[in-house]
Amino acid sequence: MYEEENREIKAVVERLLRDANAKCVYLVDKDGQLISASGETKNIDATSLASLTAGNIAATGGLAKLIGEKEFSILFHEGERDNLHISVVGQRVILVVIFDKRSSLGLVRLRVKRASEELSKSIQKLLDRMAAGAENENLLKEITDDDIERLFH
C-alpha cells in the first residue's frame, strides 16, 4: 500500500471511531487480511477477527445467492455487552465497527455510510495507482537485452 492512501485510510478509520463513539474499528480485505485498526484493539486477536469476518461475509454471500440477492452488504451482530456492525465497502473491503451501549446502531450506521464513501474513494485511488504501476512494470519487461545494449553503445 502506498503511504498517501494508507494515511487517508487510517484517518477515515480513526474519524469513524470517534464519530460513531465506537470501541474499535477494523478494515479488512475480503481475503481476511487486516488493513487498518483503531481504538481499543489490544484485547482482540486482529488476525482471527479479520479472517473470521471475511469468512462471515463469504458465508452470508452464499446465503444471499440462495435467495436471489447479489450480497448482503451490511451485517449486524448484537451481543450482551458489545455489538458488531460489518459492512462491505466498494465490494472490496470489509469495515468492522465494534460498539457498546455508549453508542447506538443508528449512529453507527450513519457514520459508517459517510466513512464508506470516503474509503471507496481512497481504495479506488489506490487501485488506480497500482494499475498504473503494473502498466509501467509491463513496459519495463518489454525492454530486451538488445535494447539495453543499443542504449549504452
N, C-alpha and C. Protein backbone atom coordinates (compact mmCIF):
# COMPACT_ATOMS: atom_id res chain seq x y z
N MET A 1 0.85 -1.17 0.00
CA MET A 1 0.00 0.00 0.00
C MET A 1 0.90 1.24 0.00
N TYR A 2 0.48 2.25 -0.72
CA TYR A 2 1.23 3.49 -0.80
C TYR A 2 0.96 4.34 0.44
N GLU A 3 1.95 5.11 0.84
CA GLU A 3 1.88 5.90 2.08
C GLU A 3 0.71 6.88 2.10
N GLU A 4 0.49 7.56 0.99
CA GLU A 4 -0.58 8.56 0.94
C GLU A 4 -1.95 7.93 1.17
N GLU A 5 -2.23 6.83 0.47
CA GLU A 5 -3.52 6.15 0.63
C GLU A 5 -3.63 5.54 2.02
N ASN A 6 -2.53 5.03 2.54
CA ASN A 6 -2.51 4.46 3.89
C ASN A 6 -2.90 5.52 4.93
N ARG A 7 -2.34 6.72 4.79
CA ARG A 7 -2.68 7.82 5.70
C ARG A 7 -4.16 8.19 5.59
N GLU A 8 -4.65 8.27 4.35
CA GLU A 8 -6.07 8.60 4.14
C GLU A 8 -6.98 7.57 4.80
N ILE A 9 -6.67 6.30 4.59
CA ILE A 9 -7.49 5.22 5.15
C ILE A 9 -7.45 5.25 6.66
N LYS A 10 -6.27 5.41 7.24
CA LYS A 10 -6.15 5.48 8.71
C LYS A 10 -6.94 6.66 9.27
N ALA A 11 -6.89 7.79 8.59
CA ALA A 11 -7.63 8.98 9.06
C ALA A 11 -9.13 8.73 9.05
N VAL A 12 -9.64 8.08 8.02
CA VAL A 12 -11.07 7.78 7.95
C VAL A 12 -11.47 6.81 9.06
N VAL A 13 -10.66 5.79 9.28
CA VAL A 13 -10.94 4.79 10.32
C VAL A 13 -10.94 5.45 11.70
N GLU A 14 -9.97 6.30 11.96
CA GLU A 14 -9.90 6.99 13.26
C GLU A 14 -11.06 7.97 13.45
N ARG A 15 -11.46 8.66 12.38
CA ARG A 15 -12.59 9.58 12.47
C ARG A 15 -13.89 8.80 12.72
N LEU A 16 -14.04 7.68 12.06
CA LEU A 16 -15.22 6.84 12.28
C LEU A 16 -15.27 6.37 13.73
N LEU A 17 -14.15 5.97 14.27
CA LEU A 17 -14.08 5.54 15.67
C LEU A 17 -14.63 6.63 16.59
N ARG A 18 -14.18 7.86 16.40
CA ARG A 18 -14.62 8.99 17.22
C ARG A 18 -16.08 9.34 16.98
N ASP A 19 -16.43 9.51 15.70
CA ASP A 19 -17.77 9.99 15.35
C ASP A 19 -18.87 9.00 15.72
N ALA A 20 -18.57 7.71 15.67
CA ALA A 20 -19.56 6.69 16.00
C ALA A 20 -19.53 6.32 17.47
N ASN A 21 -18.58 6.90 18.20
CA ASN A 21 -18.40 6.58 19.62
C ASN A 21 -18.25 5.07 19.81
N ALA A 22 -17.43 4.47 18.93
CA ALA A 22 -17.22 3.03 18.93
C ALA A 22 -16.05 2.65 19.82
N LYS A 23 -15.96 1.37 20.13
CA LYS A 23 -14.82 0.85 20.89
C LYS A 23 -13.61 0.66 19.98
N CYS A 24 -13.86 0.08 18.81
CA CYS A 24 -12.78 -0.11 17.85
C CYS A 24 -13.34 -0.29 16.44
N VAL A 25 -12.47 -0.04 15.48
CA VAL A 25 -12.84 -0.14 14.07
C VAL A 25 -11.70 -0.88 13.35
N TYR A 26 -12.09 -1.82 12.50
CA TYR A 26 -11.13 -2.58 11.70
C TYR A 26 -11.51 -2.47 10.23
N LEU A 27 -10.50 -2.42 9.38
CA LEU A 27 -10.71 -2.50 7.95
C LEU A 27 -9.95 -3.74 7.47
N VAL A 28 -10.66 -4.62 6.78
CA VAL A 28 -10.14 -5.93 6.40
C VAL A 28 -10.39 -6.13 4.91
N ASP A 29 -9.48 -6.81 4.22
CA ASP A 29 -9.79 -7.13 2.83
C ASP A 29 -10.59 -8.43 2.78
N LYS A 30 -11.17 -8.72 1.62
CA LYS A 30 -12.05 -9.89 1.52
C LYS A 30 -11.30 -11.21 1.64
N ASP A 31 -9.97 -11.16 1.59
CA ASP A 31 -9.16 -12.36 1.79
C ASP A 31 -8.86 -12.59 3.27
N GLY A 32 -9.30 -11.67 4.13
CA GLY A 32 -9.10 -11.83 5.56
C GLY A 32 -7.82 -11.20 6.09
N GLN A 33 -7.23 -10.29 5.32
CA GLN A 33 -6.02 -9.60 5.77
C GLN A 33 -6.39 -8.26 6.39
N LEU A 34 -5.81 -7.97 7.55
CA LEU A 34 -6.07 -6.71 8.22
C LEU A 34 -5.39 -5.57 7.47
N ILE A 35 -6.14 -4.51 7.20
CA ILE A 35 -5.60 -3.33 6.53
C ILE A 35 -5.32 -2.23 7.54
N SER A 36 -6.28 -1.99 8.45
CA SER A 36 -6.14 -0.92 9.42
C SER A 36 -6.99 -1.23 10.64
N ALA A 37 -6.56 -0.69 11.80
CA ALA A 37 -7.32 -0.87 13.04
C ALA A 37 -7.12 0.37 13.90
N SER A 38 -8.15 0.68 14.69
CA SER A 38 -8.07 1.83 15.58
C SER A 38 -8.97 1.59 16.78
N GLY A 39 -8.57 2.14 17.91
CA GLY A 39 -9.39 2.03 19.12
C GLY A 39 -8.85 1.02 20.11
N GLU A 40 -9.75 0.46 20.90
CA GLU A 40 -9.39 -0.49 21.95
C GLU A 40 -9.17 -1.88 21.35
N THR A 41 -8.02 -2.05 20.70
CA THR A 41 -7.76 -3.27 19.94
C THR A 41 -6.85 -4.27 20.65
N LYS A 42 -6.27 -3.89 21.79
CA LYS A 42 -5.25 -4.75 22.39
C LYS A 42 -5.77 -6.08 22.91
N ASN A 43 -7.04 -6.18 23.26
CA ASN A 43 -7.58 -7.43 23.79
C ASN A 43 -8.28 -8.28 22.73
N ILE A 44 -8.11 -7.90 21.47
CA ILE A 44 -8.75 -8.62 20.38
C ILE A 44 -7.67 -9.17 19.45
N ASP A 45 -7.77 -10.43 19.12
CA ASP A 45 -6.86 -11.06 18.17
C ASP A 45 -7.26 -10.59 16.77
N ALA A 46 -6.54 -9.61 16.27
CA ALA A 46 -6.90 -8.97 15.00
C ALA A 46 -6.82 -9.93 13.82
N THR A 47 -5.87 -10.85 13.85
CA THR A 47 -5.73 -11.82 12.76
C THR A 47 -6.97 -12.71 12.69
N SER A 48 -7.40 -13.21 13.84
CA SER A 48 -8.60 -14.05 13.87
C SER A 48 -9.84 -13.26 13.49
N LEU A 49 -9.95 -12.04 14.01
CA LEU A 49 -11.10 -11.21 13.67
C LEU A 49 -11.17 -10.98 12.17
N ALA A 50 -10.03 -10.67 11.55
CA ALA A 50 -10.00 -10.40 10.12
C ALA A 50 -10.42 -11.63 9.31
N SER A 51 -9.87 -12.79 9.65
CA SER A 51 -10.19 -13.98 8.86
C SER A 51 -11.63 -14.44 9.10
N LEU A 52 -12.10 -14.36 10.35
CA LEU A 52 -13.48 -14.76 10.64
C LEU A 52 -14.49 -13.80 10.00
N THR A 53 -14.16 -12.52 9.96
CA THR A 53 -15.04 -11.55 9.32
C THR A 53 -15.14 -11.83 7.83
N ALA A 54 -14.01 -12.09 7.19
CA ALA A 54 -14.03 -12.41 5.75
C ALA A 54 -14.83 -13.69 5.52
N GLY A 55 -14.67 -14.67 6.39
CA GLY A 55 -15.45 -15.90 6.28
C GLY A 55 -16.94 -15.66 6.46
N ASN A 56 -17.27 -14.78 7.40
CA ASN A 56 -18.67 -14.41 7.64
C ASN A 56 -19.27 -13.78 6.39
N ILE A 57 -18.55 -12.87 5.77
CA ILE A 57 -19.02 -12.21 4.55
C ILE A 57 -19.19 -13.24 3.43
N ALA A 58 -18.25 -14.16 3.31
CA ALA A 58 -18.34 -15.20 2.28
C ALA A 58 -19.55 -16.10 2.52
N ALA A 59 -19.76 -16.48 3.78
CA ALA A 59 -20.90 -17.35 4.10
C ALA A 59 -22.22 -16.66 3.84
N THR A 60 -22.33 -15.41 4.25
CA THR A 60 -23.59 -14.70 4.02
C THR A 60 -23.78 -14.39 2.53
N GLY A 61 -22.67 -14.30 1.79
CA GLY A 61 -22.76 -14.15 0.34
C GLY A 61 -23.42 -15.38 -0.27
N GLY A 62 -23.08 -16.56 0.25
CA GLY A 62 -23.71 -17.79 -0.20
C GLY A 62 -25.20 -17.80 0.12
N LEU A 63 -25.55 -17.34 1.31
CA LEU A 63 -26.97 -17.23 1.69
C LEU A 63 -27.70 -16.26 0.78
N ALA A 64 -27.07 -15.15 0.48
CA ALA A 64 -27.68 -14.14 -0.39
C ALA A 64 -28.00 -14.75 -1.76
N LYS A 65 -27.04 -15.47 -2.32
CA LYS A 65 -27.26 -16.08 -3.64
C LYS A 65 -28.41 -17.07 -3.61
N LEU A 66 -28.55 -17.80 -2.50
CA LEU A 66 -29.64 -18.77 -2.37
C LEU A 66 -31.02 -18.12 -2.50
N ILE A 67 -31.12 -16.88 -2.06
CA ILE A 67 -32.43 -16.21 -2.12
C ILE A 67 -32.50 -15.18 -3.24
N GLY A 68 -31.48 -15.20 -4.12
CA GLY A 68 -31.52 -14.34 -5.29
C GLY A 68 -30.95 -12.95 -5.11
N GLU A 69 -30.21 -12.72 -4.03
CA GLU A 69 -29.55 -11.43 -3.81
C GLU A 69 -28.10 -11.50 -4.27
N LYS A 70 -27.53 -10.36 -4.62
CA LYS A 70 -26.12 -10.31 -5.01
C LYS A 70 -25.24 -10.54 -3.78
N GLU A 71 -25.50 -9.79 -2.72
CA GLU A 71 -24.80 -9.96 -1.45
C GLU A 71 -25.55 -9.20 -0.38
N PHE A 72 -25.23 -9.49 0.86
CA PHE A 72 -25.72 -8.68 1.97
C PHE A 72 -24.57 -7.74 2.32
N SER A 73 -24.76 -6.47 2.09
CA SER A 73 -23.66 -5.52 2.27
C SER A 73 -23.50 -5.07 3.71
N ILE A 74 -24.50 -5.32 4.55
CA ILE A 74 -24.42 -4.93 5.96
C ILE A 74 -24.87 -6.10 6.84
N LEU A 75 -24.07 -6.39 7.86
CA LEU A 75 -24.40 -7.42 8.84
C LEU A 75 -24.34 -6.79 10.22
N PHE A 76 -25.21 -7.24 11.10
CA PHE A 76 -25.21 -6.73 12.47
C PHE A 76 -25.34 -7.90 13.42
N HIS A 77 -24.45 -7.94 14.41
CA HIS A 77 -24.49 -8.97 15.45
C HIS A 77 -24.61 -8.27 16.80
N GLU A 78 -25.64 -8.62 17.55
CA GLU A 78 -25.88 -8.00 18.84
C GLU A 78 -25.50 -8.96 19.95
N GLY A 79 -24.65 -8.48 20.86
CA GLY A 79 -24.24 -9.28 21.99
C GLY A 79 -24.74 -8.68 23.29
N GLU A 80 -24.39 -9.32 24.40
CA GLU A 80 -24.81 -8.80 25.71
C GLU A 80 -24.12 -7.47 26.02
N ARG A 81 -22.81 -7.40 25.72
CA ARG A 81 -22.05 -6.19 26.01
C ARG A 81 -21.68 -5.41 24.75
N ASP A 82 -21.24 -6.12 23.75
CA ASP A 82 -20.74 -5.48 22.54
C ASP A 82 -21.53 -5.91 21.32
N ASN A 83 -21.50 -5.04 20.33
CA ASN A 83 -22.20 -5.30 19.06
C ASN A 83 -21.19 -5.16 17.92
N LEU A 84 -21.46 -5.87 16.84
CA LEU A 84 -20.63 -5.80 15.64
C LEU A 84 -21.47 -5.27 14.48
N HIS A 85 -20.97 -4.26 13.83
CA HIS A 85 -21.57 -3.77 12.59
C HIS A 85 -20.53 -4.04 11.51
N ILE A 86 -20.89 -4.86 10.54
CA ILE A 86 -19.97 -5.26 9.49
C ILE A 86 -20.56 -4.81 8.16
N SER A 87 -19.75 -4.12 7.37
CA SER A 87 -20.25 -3.67 6.07
C SER A 87 -19.19 -3.85 5.00
N VAL A 88 -19.65 -4.15 3.80
CA VAL A 88 -18.77 -4.29 2.65
C VAL A 88 -18.65 -2.91 2.00
N VAL A 89 -17.42 -2.49 1.77
CA VAL A 89 -17.15 -1.17 1.19
C VAL A 89 -16.59 -1.36 -0.22
N GLY A 90 -17.30 -0.80 -1.18
CA GLY A 90 -16.81 -0.83 -2.56
C GLY A 90 -16.60 -2.23 -3.09
N GLN A 91 -17.31 -3.21 -2.58
CA GLN A 91 -17.21 -4.61 -2.98
C GLN A 91 -15.79 -5.16 -2.86
N ARG A 92 -14.93 -4.48 -2.08
CA ARG A 92 -13.53 -4.91 -1.99
C ARG A 92 -13.03 -5.12 -0.57
N VAL A 93 -13.48 -4.29 0.35
CA VAL A 93 -13.00 -4.39 1.73
C VAL A 93 -14.18 -4.45 2.69
N ILE A 94 -13.87 -4.83 3.92
CA ILE A 94 -14.89 -5.01 4.95
C ILE A 94 -14.57 -4.08 6.11
N LEU A 95 -15.56 -3.33 6.52
CA LEU A 95 -15.43 -2.40 7.64
C LEU A 95 -16.15 -3.01 8.84
N VAL A 96 -15.42 -3.17 9.94
CA VAL A 96 -15.97 -3.76 11.16
C VAL A 96 -15.95 -2.71 12.26
N VAL A 97 -17.11 -2.43 12.83
CA VAL A 97 -17.21 -1.48 13.93
C VAL A 97 -17.72 -2.25 15.15
N ILE A 98 -16.95 -2.21 16.22
CA ILE A 98 -17.37 -2.83 17.48
C ILE A 98 -17.78 -1.70 18.41
N PHE A 99 -19.01 -1.79 18.93
CA PHE A 99 -19.50 -0.72 19.80
C PHE A 99 -20.34 -1.31 20.93
N ASP A 100 -20.51 -0.52 21.96
CA ASP A 100 -21.29 -0.95 23.13
C ASP A 100 -22.42 0.04 23.38
N LYS A 101 -22.94 0.06 24.59
CA LYS A 101 -24.10 0.91 24.91
C LYS A 101 -23.80 2.40 24.88
N ARG A 102 -22.53 2.79 24.78
CA ARG A 102 -22.19 4.21 24.65
C ARG A 102 -22.59 4.77 23.30
N SER A 103 -22.90 3.88 22.35
CA SER A 103 -23.32 4.30 21.02
C SER A 103 -24.63 3.62 20.67
N SER A 104 -25.11 3.83 19.46
CA SER A 104 -26.34 3.18 19.02
C SER A 104 -26.16 2.70 17.59
N LEU A 105 -26.98 1.73 17.21
CA LEU A 105 -26.91 1.19 15.86
C LEU A 105 -27.18 2.29 14.83
N GLY A 106 -28.14 3.16 15.11
CA GLY A 106 -28.45 4.25 14.18
C GLY A 106 -27.27 5.17 13.94
N LEU A 107 -26.58 5.55 15.01
CA LEU A 107 -25.41 6.41 14.89
C LEU A 107 -24.30 5.71 14.11
N VAL A 108 -24.06 4.46 14.44
CA VAL A 108 -23.01 3.70 13.76
C VAL A 108 -23.33 3.60 12.27
N ARG A 109 -24.57 3.27 11.93
CA ARG A 109 -24.94 3.14 10.51
C ARG A 109 -24.75 4.46 9.76
N LEU A 110 -25.14 5.55 10.39
CA LEU A 110 -24.98 6.87 9.78
C LEU A 110 -23.51 7.19 9.52
N ARG A 111 -22.69 6.98 10.53
CA ARG A 111 -21.25 7.29 10.40
C ARG A 111 -20.54 6.33 9.44
N VAL A 112 -20.96 5.08 9.44
CA VAL A 112 -20.36 4.10 8.52
C VAL A 112 -20.66 4.47 7.08
N LYS A 113 -21.85 4.96 6.83
CA LYS A 113 -22.22 5.35 5.47
C LYS A 113 -21.27 6.42 4.94
N ARG A 114 -21.02 7.44 5.75
CA ARG A 114 -20.11 8.51 5.32
C ARG A 114 -18.68 7.98 5.17
N ALA A 115 -18.23 7.20 6.13
CA ALA A 115 -16.87 6.65 6.07
C ALA A 115 -16.71 5.74 4.86
N SER A 116 -17.74 4.98 4.54
CA SER A 116 -17.67 4.07 3.39
C SER A 116 -17.45 4.83 2.08
N GLU A 117 -18.11 5.96 1.94
CA GLU A 117 -17.93 6.78 0.74
C GLU A 117 -16.49 7.27 0.63
N GLU A 118 -15.94 7.72 1.76
CA GLU A 118 -14.55 8.20 1.76
C GLU A 118 -13.58 7.06 1.50
N LEU A 119 -13.82 5.92 2.12
CA LEU A 119 -12.94 4.76 1.93
C LEU A 119 -12.99 4.27 0.49
N SER A 120 -14.15 4.28 -0.10
CA SER A 120 -14.29 3.85 -1.50
C SER A 120 -13.41 4.70 -2.41
N LYS A 121 -13.40 6.00 -2.18
CA LYS A 121 -12.56 6.90 -2.99
C LYS A 121 -11.08 6.59 -2.79
N SER A 122 -10.66 6.42 -1.55
CA SER A 122 -9.25 6.12 -1.27
C SER A 122 -8.83 4.78 -1.86
N ILE A 123 -9.71 3.80 -1.76
CA ILE A 123 -9.39 2.47 -2.28
C ILE A 123 -9.33 2.50 -3.80
N GLN A 124 -10.24 3.22 -4.44
CA GLN A 124 -10.21 3.33 -5.89
C GLN A 124 -8.94 4.04 -6.34
N LYS A 125 -8.54 5.08 -5.61
CA LYS A 125 -7.31 5.80 -5.91
C LYS A 125 -6.11 4.85 -5.81
N LEU A 126 -6.11 4.03 -4.77
CA LEU A 126 -5.04 3.05 -4.58
C LEU A 126 -5.02 2.04 -5.73
N LEU A 127 -6.18 1.53 -6.12
CA LEU A 127 -6.26 0.56 -7.21
C LEU A 127 -5.79 1.17 -8.53
N ASP A 128 -6.19 2.41 -8.77
CA ASP A 128 -5.74 3.10 -9.99
C ASP A 128 -4.23 3.25 -9.99
N ARG A 129 -3.69 3.60 -8.85
CA ARG A 129 -2.23 3.78 -8.74
C ARG A 129 -1.50 2.45 -8.94
N MET A 130 -2.06 1.38 -8.38
CA MET A 130 -1.45 0.07 -8.54
C MET A 130 -1.51 -0.38 -10.00
N ALA A 131 -2.63 -0.09 -10.68
CA ALA A 131 -2.77 -0.45 -12.09
C ALA A 131 -1.75 0.31 -12.94
N ALA A 132 -1.57 1.59 -12.63
CA ALA A 132 -0.59 2.39 -13.37
C ALA A 132 0.82 1.85 -13.14
N GLY A 133 1.10 1.43 -11.91
CA GLY A 133 2.41 0.84 -11.61
C GLY A 133 2.61 -0.46 -12.36
N ALA A 134 1.56 -1.26 -12.49
CA ALA A 134 1.66 -2.52 -13.23
C ALA A 134 1.91 -2.26 -14.71
N GLU A 135 1.26 -1.22 -15.25
CA GLU A 135 1.48 -0.88 -16.66
C GLU A 135 2.93 -0.47 -16.88
N ASN A 136 3.48 0.34 -15.97
CA ASN A 136 4.87 0.76 -16.08
C ASN A 136 5.81 -0.43 -15.98
N GLU A 137 5.46 -1.36 -15.09
CA GLU A 137 6.28 -2.57 -14.92
C GLU A 137 6.26 -3.39 -16.21
N ASN A 138 5.09 -3.49 -16.86
CA ASN A 138 4.99 -4.24 -18.11
C ASN A 138 5.81 -3.58 -19.21
N LEU A 139 5.84 -2.24 -19.22
CA LEU A 139 6.67 -1.55 -20.20
C LEU A 139 8.13 -1.90 -20.01
N LEU A 140 8.57 -1.96 -18.76
CA LEU A 140 9.96 -2.30 -18.48
C LEU A 140 10.26 -3.74 -18.87
N LYS A 141 9.31 -4.62 -18.72
CA LYS A 141 9.51 -6.03 -19.08
C LYS A 141 9.68 -6.19 -20.58
N GLU A 142 9.11 -5.27 -21.37
CA GLU A 142 9.18 -5.37 -22.82
C GLU A 142 10.54 -4.94 -23.36
N ILE A 143 11.35 -4.31 -22.55
CA ILE A 143 12.69 -3.90 -22.97
C ILE A 143 13.58 -5.14 -22.98
N THR A 144 14.19 -5.39 -24.10
CA THR A 144 15.04 -6.59 -24.22
C THR A 144 16.49 -6.25 -23.91
N ASP A 145 17.30 -7.28 -23.79
CA ASP A 145 18.74 -7.09 -23.58
C ASP A 145 19.36 -6.34 -24.75
N ASP A 146 18.86 -6.62 -25.96
CA ASP A 146 19.38 -5.90 -27.14
C ASP A 146 19.07 -4.41 -27.05
N ASP A 147 17.88 -4.06 -26.53
CA ASP A 147 17.52 -2.65 -26.37
C ASP A 147 18.48 -1.97 -25.40
N ILE A 148 18.82 -2.64 -24.33
CA ILE A 148 19.73 -2.08 -23.32
C ILE A 148 21.13 -1.92 -23.93
N GLU A 149 21.59 -2.90 -24.70
CA GLU A 149 22.91 -2.83 -25.35
C GLU A 149 22.96 -1.64 -26.31
N ARG A 150 21.90 -1.46 -27.11
CA ARG A 150 21.87 -0.34 -28.04
C ARG A 150 21.88 1.00 -27.32
N LEU A 151 21.20 1.04 -26.17
CA LEU A 151 21.11 2.27 -25.40
C LEU A 151 22.47 2.70 -24.88
N PHE A 152 23.30 1.75 -24.44
CA PHE A 152 24.58 2.10 -23.83
C PHE A 152 25.76 2.03 -24.80
N HIS A 153 25.53 1.67 -26.05
CA HIS A 153 26.64 1.64 -27.03
C HIS A 153 26.45 2.62 -28.10
